[in-house]
Amino acid sequence: METMVPPVRLYDGYTYWVVRMARLMRQTMAERLTVHDLNERILGLLMSVGGSNLTTPSAIANYMAVDRAIVARTLREMQARDLVELQANIHDGRSREIVLTAQGRALLDIGIQCAHENNMYFSSLMPGGMAGDIRLHYRSIVEAQQDTPKGQPLLKR
């Protein structure tokens, strides 16, 4: 006896709605940032340096989950805009650290405000208390996948 597999529609899947929501949130955030001549890459780097005290391109690339080349390109752009500067490392004079300028710190504050407004807006669209539950759920999924050893499949079968 042959078992019938029910048809699956794209919009029935969990992944479809997670991706749609992420795109919508990123698009809305991009619109907020553009008003202040900011973008996601620059804000990510500002937050890495100013919020997480990361001072090397490798540490920032790892934190942002991007390639070092993207960090290097963004750093050059930010230096040209006087948002960051490179200073000699006080512990090791051979290396340099990335630090925010006053203008970079001011733009970081604006970016954090934009992120807060974006989060509040989307949280307000969900039934009471649900936003926190969803955030914890997504975080637990991401953390579980990050714990998967290199070379092992992400999906458990």
N, C-alpha and C. Protein backbone atom coordinates (compact mmCIF):
# COMPACT_ATOMS: atom_id res chain seq x y z
N MET A 1 0.84 -1.18 0.00
CA MET A 1 0.00 0.00 0.00
C MET A 1 0.89 1.25 0.00
N GLU A 2 0.64 2.14 -0.91
CA GLU A 2 1.45 3.34 -1.07
C GLU A 2 0.92 4.46 -0.19
N THR A 3 1.83 5.11 0.52
CA THR A 3 1.45 6.20 1.40
C THR A 3 1.51 7.50 0.62
N MET A 4 0.47 8.28 0.73
CA MET A 4 0.42 9.58 0.05
C MET A 4 1.05 10.64 0.94
N VAL A 5 1.94 11.39 0.36
CA VAL A 5 2.55 12.51 1.07
C VAL A 5 1.71 13.74 0.74
N PRO A 6 1.23 14.42 1.78
CA PRO A 6 0.39 15.59 1.50
C PRO A 6 1.20 16.68 0.80
N PRO A 7 0.55 17.43 -0.10
CA PRO A 7 1.28 18.51 -0.78
C PRO A 7 1.74 19.57 0.23
N VAL A 8 2.88 20.14 -0.03
CA VAL A 8 3.44 21.17 0.84
C VAL A 8 3.48 22.47 0.05
N ARG A 9 2.94 23.49 0.65
CA ARG A 9 2.99 24.81 0.03
C ARG A 9 4.11 25.59 0.70
N LEU A 10 4.77 26.38 -0.08
CA LEU A 10 5.91 27.15 0.42
C LEU A 10 5.54 27.95 1.66
N TYR A 11 4.41 28.62 1.64
CA TYR A 11 4.04 29.49 2.76
C TYR A 11 3.53 28.72 3.98
N ASP A 12 3.46 27.40 3.91
CA ASP A 12 3.07 26.60 5.07
C ASP A 12 4.26 26.34 6.00
N GLY A 13 5.47 26.50 5.50
CA GLY A 13 6.65 26.13 6.26
C GLY A 13 7.10 27.20 7.25
N TYR A 14 7.63 26.73 8.36
CA TYR A 14 8.16 27.58 9.42
C TYR A 14 9.29 28.46 8.88
N THR A 15 10.19 27.85 8.12
CA THR A 15 11.34 28.57 7.58
C THR A 15 10.91 29.75 6.72
N TYR A 16 9.90 29.54 5.91
CA TYR A 16 9.40 30.61 5.03
C TYR A 16 9.05 31.85 5.84
N TRP A 17 8.32 31.67 6.93
CA TRP A 17 7.87 32.82 7.72
C TRP A 17 9.00 33.44 8.52
N VAL A 18 9.95 32.64 8.98
CA VAL A 18 11.12 33.19 9.69
C VAL A 18 11.93 34.06 8.73
N VAL A 19 12.15 33.57 7.52
CA VAL A 19 12.93 34.33 6.53
C VAL A 19 12.18 35.59 6.13
N ARG A 20 10.88 35.49 5.92
CA ARG A 20 10.09 36.68 5.56
C ARG A 20 10.16 37.74 6.66
N MET A 21 10.02 37.30 7.90
CA MET A 21 10.06 38.23 9.03
C MET A 21 11.44 38.87 9.14
N ALA A 22 12.49 38.08 8.99
CA ALA A 22 13.85 38.62 9.06
C ALA A 22 14.08 39.66 7.96
N ARG A 23 13.63 39.36 6.76
CA ARG A 23 13.79 40.32 5.66
C ARG A 23 13.03 41.61 5.94
N LEU A 24 11.82 41.47 6.43
CA LEU A 24 11.01 42.65 6.74
C LEU A 24 11.67 43.49 7.83
N MET A 25 12.19 42.84 8.86
CA MET A 25 12.85 43.57 9.95
C MET A 25 14.12 44.26 9.46
N ARG A 26 14.90 43.55 8.63
CA ARG A 26 16.13 44.15 8.10
C ARG A 26 15.83 45.32 7.18
N GLN A 27 14.80 45.17 6.35
CA GLN A 27 14.42 46.25 5.44
C GLN A 27 13.99 47.49 6.22
N THR A 28 13.17 47.29 7.24
CA THR A 28 12.71 48.40 8.06
C THR A 28 13.87 49.05 8.79
N MET A 29 14.80 48.23 9.30
CA MET A 29 15.98 48.77 9.98
C MET A 29 16.85 49.56 9.01
N ALA A 30 17.03 49.03 7.80
CA ALA A 30 17.83 49.73 6.79
C ALA A 30 17.23 51.10 6.48
N GLU A 31 15.91 51.18 6.41
CA GLU A 31 15.26 52.46 6.16
C GLU A 31 15.52 53.44 7.30
N ARG A 32 15.48 52.95 8.53
CA ARG A 32 15.76 53.81 9.69
C ARG A 32 17.22 54.31 9.65
N LEU A 33 18.13 53.40 9.32
CA LEU A 33 19.56 53.75 9.33
C LEU A 33 19.93 54.71 8.20
N THR A 34 19.33 54.52 7.04
CA THR A 34 19.65 55.35 5.87
C THR A 34 19.45 56.83 6.15
N VAL A 35 18.45 57.14 6.93
CA VAL A 35 18.17 58.54 7.29
C VAL A 35 19.39 59.19 7.95
N HIS A 36 20.19 58.39 8.63
CA HIS A 36 21.36 58.89 9.37
C HIS A 36 22.67 58.56 8.67
N ASP A 37 22.60 58.24 7.38
CA ASP A 37 23.78 57.88 6.59
C ASP A 37 24.52 56.70 7.22
N LEU A 38 23.75 55.74 7.69
CA LEU A 38 24.27 54.52 8.30
C LEU A 38 23.79 53.32 7.50
N ASN A 39 24.51 52.21 7.62
CA ASN A 39 24.03 50.95 7.06
C ASN A 39 24.35 49.83 8.05
N GLU A 40 23.88 48.64 7.73
CA GLU A 40 24.01 47.51 8.65
C GLU A 40 25.48 47.16 8.93
N ARG A 41 26.33 47.21 7.91
CA ARG A 41 27.75 46.89 8.11
C ARG A 41 28.42 47.88 9.06
N ILE A 42 28.19 49.15 8.81
CA ILE A 42 28.82 50.18 9.66
C ILE A 42 28.29 50.08 11.09
N LEU A 43 26.99 49.92 11.24
CA LEU A 43 26.44 49.79 12.59
C LEU A 43 27.00 48.55 13.28
N GLY A 44 27.10 47.45 12.56
CA GLY A 44 27.66 46.22 13.14
C GLY A 44 29.08 46.44 13.63
N LEU A 45 29.87 47.16 12.86
CA LEU A 45 31.24 47.42 13.28
C LEU A 45 31.29 48.40 14.45
N LEU A 46 30.45 49.43 14.40
CA LEU A 46 30.39 50.37 15.53
C LEU A 46 30.00 49.63 16.82
N MET A 47 29.04 48.72 16.71
CA MET A 47 28.60 47.97 17.89
C MET A 47 29.68 46.99 18.36
N SER A 48 30.42 46.42 17.42
CA SER A 48 31.50 45.50 17.79
C SER A 48 32.57 46.21 18.61
N VAL A 49 32.96 47.38 18.14
CA VAL A 49 34.02 48.13 18.80
C VAL A 49 33.49 48.85 20.05
N GLY A 50 32.41 49.60 19.88
CA GLY A 50 31.90 50.42 20.97
C GLY A 50 31.06 49.69 21.99
N GLY A 51 30.42 48.61 21.59
CA GLY A 51 29.55 47.89 22.50
C GLY A 51 30.14 46.62 23.07
N SER A 52 31.00 45.97 22.29
CA SER A 52 31.57 44.69 22.73
C SER A 52 33.08 44.76 22.95
N ASN A 53 33.65 45.94 22.81
CA ASN A 53 35.09 46.17 23.05
C ASN A 53 35.99 45.26 22.23
N LEU A 54 35.61 44.98 21.00
CA LEU A 54 36.45 44.22 20.09
C LEU A 54 37.31 45.22 19.32
N THR A 55 38.59 44.96 19.23
CA THR A 55 39.48 45.98 18.66
C THR A 55 40.33 45.48 17.49
N THR A 56 40.15 44.23 17.08
CA THR A 56 40.91 43.72 15.94
C THR A 56 39.96 43.28 14.84
N PRO A 57 40.40 43.40 13.57
CA PRO A 57 39.54 42.98 12.46
C PRO A 57 39.10 41.51 12.56
N SER A 58 39.97 40.63 13.02
CA SER A 58 39.61 39.21 13.13
C SER A 58 38.50 39.01 14.16
N ALA A 59 38.62 39.64 15.31
CA ALA A 59 37.61 39.51 16.36
C ALA A 59 36.28 40.08 15.88
N ILE A 60 36.33 41.20 15.18
CA ILE A 60 35.10 41.83 14.67
C ILE A 60 34.45 40.94 13.61
N ALA A 61 35.25 40.40 12.69
CA ALA A 61 34.72 39.52 11.65
C ALA A 61 34.04 38.30 12.27
N ASN A 62 34.65 37.73 13.28
CA ASN A 62 34.07 36.58 13.96
C ASN A 62 32.75 36.96 14.63
N TYR A 63 32.74 38.08 15.33
CA TYR A 63 31.55 38.55 16.04
C TYR A 63 30.40 38.83 15.07
N MET A 64 30.72 39.46 13.93
CA MET A 64 29.69 39.82 12.96
C MET A 64 29.35 38.68 12.02
N ALA A 65 30.11 37.58 12.09
CA ALA A 65 29.92 36.42 11.21
C ALA A 65 30.05 36.81 9.74
N VAL A 66 31.12 37.59 9.45
CA VAL A 66 31.41 37.99 8.08
C VAL A 66 32.89 37.75 7.79
N ASP A 67 33.25 37.86 6.55
CA ASP A 67 34.62 37.69 6.10
C ASP A 67 35.47 38.90 6.52
N ARG A 68 36.74 38.66 6.79
CA ARG A 68 37.64 39.76 7.18
C ARG A 68 37.74 40.83 6.11
N ALA A 69 37.61 40.44 4.85
CA ALA A 69 37.68 41.42 3.75
C ALA A 69 36.56 42.45 3.87
N ILE A 70 35.39 42.01 4.29
CA ILE A 70 34.26 42.93 4.48
C ILE A 70 34.57 43.90 5.61
N VAL A 71 35.17 43.38 6.68
CA VAL A 71 35.54 44.24 7.81
C VAL A 71 36.59 45.25 7.36
N ALA A 72 37.60 44.80 6.62
CA ALA A 72 38.66 45.71 6.16
C ALA A 72 38.09 46.82 5.27
N ARG A 73 37.21 46.45 4.35
CA ARG A 73 36.60 47.43 3.46
C ARG A 73 35.75 48.43 4.25
N THR A 74 34.99 47.93 5.20
CA THR A 74 34.14 48.79 6.01
C THR A 74 34.99 49.71 6.89
N LEU A 75 36.07 49.17 7.44
CA LEU A 75 36.98 49.99 8.25
C LEU A 75 37.56 51.15 7.45
N ARG A 76 37.97 50.88 6.21
CA ARG A 76 38.52 51.96 5.37
C ARG A 76 37.47 53.05 5.15
N GLU A 77 36.25 52.62 4.87
CA GLU A 77 35.16 53.58 4.68
C GLU A 77 34.93 54.40 5.95
N MET A 78 34.96 53.72 7.08
CA MET A 78 34.71 54.40 8.36
C MET A 78 35.86 55.34 8.73
N GLN A 79 37.09 54.97 8.40
CA GLN A 79 38.22 55.86 8.65
C GLN A 79 38.08 57.13 7.80
N ALA A 80 37.67 56.96 6.55
CA ALA A 80 37.49 58.11 5.66
C ALA A 80 36.41 59.05 6.19
N ARG A 81 35.44 58.50 6.89
CA ARG A 81 34.36 59.31 7.47
C ARG A 81 34.66 59.76 8.89
N ASP A 82 35.85 59.46 9.39
CA ASP A 82 36.29 59.82 10.74
C ASP A 82 35.40 59.22 11.83
N LEU A 83 35.02 57.95 11.64
CA LEU A 83 34.22 57.25 12.63
C LEU A 83 35.08 56.36 13.52
N VAL A 84 36.21 55.90 12.97
CA VAL A 84 37.15 55.07 13.73
C VAL A 84 38.56 55.53 13.41
N GLU A 85 39.47 55.15 14.31
CA GLU A 85 40.89 55.37 14.04
C GLU A 85 41.67 54.17 14.57
N LEU A 86 42.85 53.99 14.03
CA LEU A 86 43.73 52.92 14.49
C LEU A 86 44.76 53.52 15.42
N GLN A 87 44.92 52.89 16.58
CA GLN A 87 45.90 53.36 17.56
C GLN A 87 46.83 52.21 17.92
N ALA A 88 48.04 52.56 18.32
CA ALA A 88 48.98 51.53 18.76
C ALA A 88 48.44 50.83 20.00
N ASN A 89 48.60 49.52 20.03
CA ASN A 89 48.18 48.73 21.17
C ASN A 89 49.11 49.04 22.34
N ILE A 90 48.57 49.38 23.50
CA ILE A 90 49.42 49.77 24.64
C ILE A 90 50.20 48.58 25.20
N HIS A 91 49.72 47.36 24.96
CA HIS A 91 50.40 46.17 25.47
C HIS A 91 51.41 45.60 24.47
N ASP A 92 51.17 45.86 23.18
CA ASP A 92 52.03 45.33 22.13
C ASP A 92 52.14 46.39 21.05
N GLY A 93 53.20 47.14 21.06
CA GLY A 93 53.39 48.25 20.13
C GLY A 93 53.41 47.84 18.68
N ARG A 94 53.58 46.54 18.40
CA ARG A 94 53.61 46.07 17.01
C ARG A 94 52.22 45.99 16.40
N SER A 95 51.19 45.91 17.22
CA SER A 95 49.83 45.79 16.69
C SER A 95 49.04 47.07 16.95
N ARG A 96 47.95 47.18 16.22
CA ARG A 96 47.11 48.37 16.34
C ARG A 96 45.69 47.96 16.73
N GLU A 97 45.01 48.87 17.40
CA GLU A 97 43.64 48.64 17.84
C GLU A 97 42.70 49.63 17.16
N ILE A 98 41.50 49.18 16.94
CA ILE A 98 40.46 50.02 16.36
C ILE A 98 39.71 50.69 17.51
N VAL A 99 39.59 52.00 17.44
CA VAL A 99 38.83 52.74 18.47
C VAL A 99 37.85 53.68 17.77
N LEU A 100 36.74 53.94 18.44
CA LEU A 100 35.75 54.87 17.90
C LEU A 100 36.19 56.30 18.16
N THR A 101 35.93 57.17 17.20
CA THR A 101 36.11 58.60 17.41
C THR A 101 34.85 59.14 18.08
N ALA A 102 34.87 60.41 18.45
CA ALA A 102 33.67 61.02 19.04
C ALA A 102 32.50 60.94 18.05
N GLN A 103 32.79 61.16 16.78
CA GLN A 103 31.75 61.08 15.76
C GLN A 103 31.24 59.65 15.63
N GLY A 104 32.12 58.66 15.75
CA GLY A 104 31.71 57.26 15.71
C GLY A 104 30.83 56.89 16.89
N ARG A 105 31.19 57.38 18.08
CA ARG A 105 30.37 57.11 19.28
C ARG A 105 28.98 57.74 19.15
N ALA A 106 28.93 58.94 18.57
CA ALA A 106 27.63 59.61 18.39
C ALA A 106 26.76 58.82 17.40
N LEU A 107 27.37 58.33 16.34
CA LEU A 107 26.63 57.55 15.35
C LEU A 107 26.20 56.19 15.93
N LEU A 108 27.03 55.62 16.80
CA LEU A 108 26.66 54.38 17.48
C LEU A 108 25.40 54.60 18.32
N ASP A 109 25.35 55.70 19.05
CA ASP A 109 24.17 56.01 19.86
C ASP A 109 22.92 56.12 18.99
N ILE A 110 23.06 56.75 17.84
CA ILE A 110 21.92 56.88 16.92
C ILE A 110 21.51 55.49 16.41
N GLY A 111 22.49 54.67 16.04
CA GLY A 111 22.19 53.33 15.55
C GLY A 111 21.51 52.46 16.58
N ILE A 112 21.95 52.56 17.83
CA ILE A 112 21.33 51.80 18.92
C ILE A 112 19.88 52.26 19.10
N GLN A 113 19.64 53.55 19.00
CA GLN A 113 18.27 54.07 19.10
C GLN A 113 17.40 53.54 17.96
N CYS A 114 17.97 53.50 16.74
CA CYS A 114 17.23 52.95 15.60
C CYS A 114 16.89 51.48 15.83
N ALA A 115 17.84 50.71 16.35
CA ALA A 115 17.61 49.29 16.62
C ALA A 115 16.53 49.12 17.68
N HIS A 116 16.60 49.94 18.71
CA HIS A 116 15.59 49.88 19.77
C HIS A 116 14.20 50.19 19.22
N GLU A 117 14.09 51.23 18.41
CA GLU A 117 12.81 51.60 17.81
C GLU A 117 12.29 50.48 16.91
N ASN A 118 13.19 49.86 16.15
CA ASN A 118 12.79 48.77 15.27
C ASN A 118 12.28 47.58 16.08
N ASN A 119 13.00 47.23 17.14
CA ASN A 119 12.57 46.13 18.00
C ASN A 119 11.23 46.43 18.65
N MET A 120 11.06 47.63 19.15
CA MET A 120 9.81 48.01 19.80
C MET A 120 8.64 47.97 18.81
N TYR A 121 8.89 48.43 17.60
CA TYR A 121 7.84 48.43 16.58
C TYR A 121 7.37 47.00 16.31
N PHE A 122 8.30 46.09 16.03
CA PHE A 122 7.90 44.72 15.70
C PHE A 122 7.34 43.99 16.92
N SER A 123 7.87 44.28 18.09
CA SER A 123 7.32 43.67 19.31
C SER A 123 5.88 44.12 19.53
N SER A 124 5.59 45.37 19.18
CA SER A 124 4.23 45.90 19.39
C SER A 124 3.22 45.22 18.48
N LEU A 125 3.67 44.59 17.41
CA LEU A 125 2.76 43.92 16.49
C LEU A 125 2.39 42.51 16.95
N MET A 126 3.09 42.01 17.98
CA MET A 126 2.84 40.65 18.47
C MET A 126 1.97 40.69 19.71
N PRO A 127 1.18 39.62 19.90
CA PRO A 127 0.39 39.55 21.14
C PRO A 127 1.28 39.65 22.37
N GLY A 128 0.77 40.19 23.44
CA GLY A 128 1.52 40.43 24.67
C GLY A 128 2.42 39.29 25.11
N GLY A 129 3.68 39.60 25.34
CA GLY A 129 4.63 38.64 25.87
C GLY A 129 5.22 37.69 24.85
N MET A 130 4.64 37.62 23.66
CA MET A 130 5.08 36.65 22.67
C MET A 130 6.47 36.99 22.11
N ALA A 131 6.81 38.26 21.99
CA ALA A 131 8.10 38.66 21.41
C ALA A 131 9.26 38.07 22.20
N GLY A 132 9.19 38.13 23.52
CA GLY A 132 10.26 37.56 24.35
C GLY A 132 10.38 36.06 24.18
N ASP A 133 9.24 35.37 24.09
CA ASP A 133 9.25 33.92 23.89
C ASP A 133 9.88 33.55 22.56
N ILE A 134 9.53 34.28 21.52
CA ILE A 134 10.07 34.00 20.19
C ILE A 134 11.58 34.23 20.18
N ARG A 135 12.02 35.33 20.78
CA ARG A 135 13.45 35.64 20.83
C ARG A 135 14.22 34.52 21.53
N LEU A 136 13.71 34.04 22.66
CA LEU A 136 14.38 32.95 23.38
C LEU A 136 14.38 31.67 22.55
N HIS A 137 13.30 31.40 21.86
CA HIS A 137 13.20 30.22 21.02
C HIS A 137 14.24 30.27 19.90
N TYR A 138 14.30 31.38 19.18
CA TYR A 138 15.27 31.52 18.09
C TYR A 138 16.70 31.42 18.61
N ARG A 139 16.95 32.06 19.74
CA ARG A 139 18.30 32.04 20.30
C ARG A 139 18.71 30.61 20.67
N SER A 140 17.82 29.84 21.25
CA SER A 140 18.17 28.48 21.64
C SER A 140 18.46 27.62 20.41
N ILE A 141 17.74 27.86 19.31
CA ILE A 141 18.00 27.12 18.07
C ILE A 141 19.38 27.48 17.53
N VAL A 142 19.68 28.76 17.45
CA VAL A 142 20.97 29.21 16.93
C VAL A 142 22.11 28.68 17.79
N GLU A 143 21.98 28.78 19.10
CA GLU A 143 23.04 28.29 19.98
C GLU A 143 23.23 26.79 19.86
N ALA A 144 22.16 26.04 19.69
CA ALA A 144 22.28 24.58 19.53
C ALA A 144 23.03 24.25 18.25
N GLN A 145 22.78 25.01 17.18
CA GLN A 145 23.47 24.76 15.92
C GLN A 145 24.94 25.18 16.00
N GLN A 146 25.24 26.22 16.76
CA GLN A 146 26.63 26.67 16.90
C GLN A 146 27.47 25.64 17.65
N ASP A 147 26.82 24.84 18.48
CA ASP A 147 27.54 23.82 19.25
C ASP A 147 27.85 22.57 18.43
N THR A 148 27.35 22.51 17.19
CA THR A 148 27.60 21.35 16.35
C THR A 148 29.06 21.37 15.91
N PRO A 149 29.82 20.28 16.17
CA PRO A 149 31.23 20.25 15.78
C PRO A 149 31.41 20.42 14.28
N LYS A 150 32.54 21.05 13.88
CA LYS A 150 32.86 21.24 12.47
C LYS A 150 32.86 19.89 11.77
N GLY A 151 32.34 19.85 10.57
CA GLY A 151 32.31 18.62 9.80
C GLY A 151 31.11 17.74 10.08
N GLN A 152 30.36 18.05 11.13
CA GLN A 152 29.16 17.27 11.46
C GLN A 152 27.95 17.95 10.81
N PRO A 153 26.99 17.17 10.37
CA PRO A 153 25.78 17.79 9.79
C PRO A 153 25.05 18.59 10.85
N LEU A 154 24.47 19.71 10.42
CA LEU A 154 23.71 20.55 11.33
C LEU A 154 22.42 19.85 11.76
N LEU A 155 21.84 19.10 10.84
CA LEU A 155 20.57 18.44 11.14
C LEU A 155 20.82 17.09 11.77
N LYS A 156 20.14 16.82 12.84
CA LYS A 156 20.21 15.52 13.50
C LYS A 156 19.16 14.63 12.83
N ARG A 157 19.58 13.45 12.41
CA ARG A 157 18.63 12.55 11.73
C ARG A 157 18.32 11.38 12.58
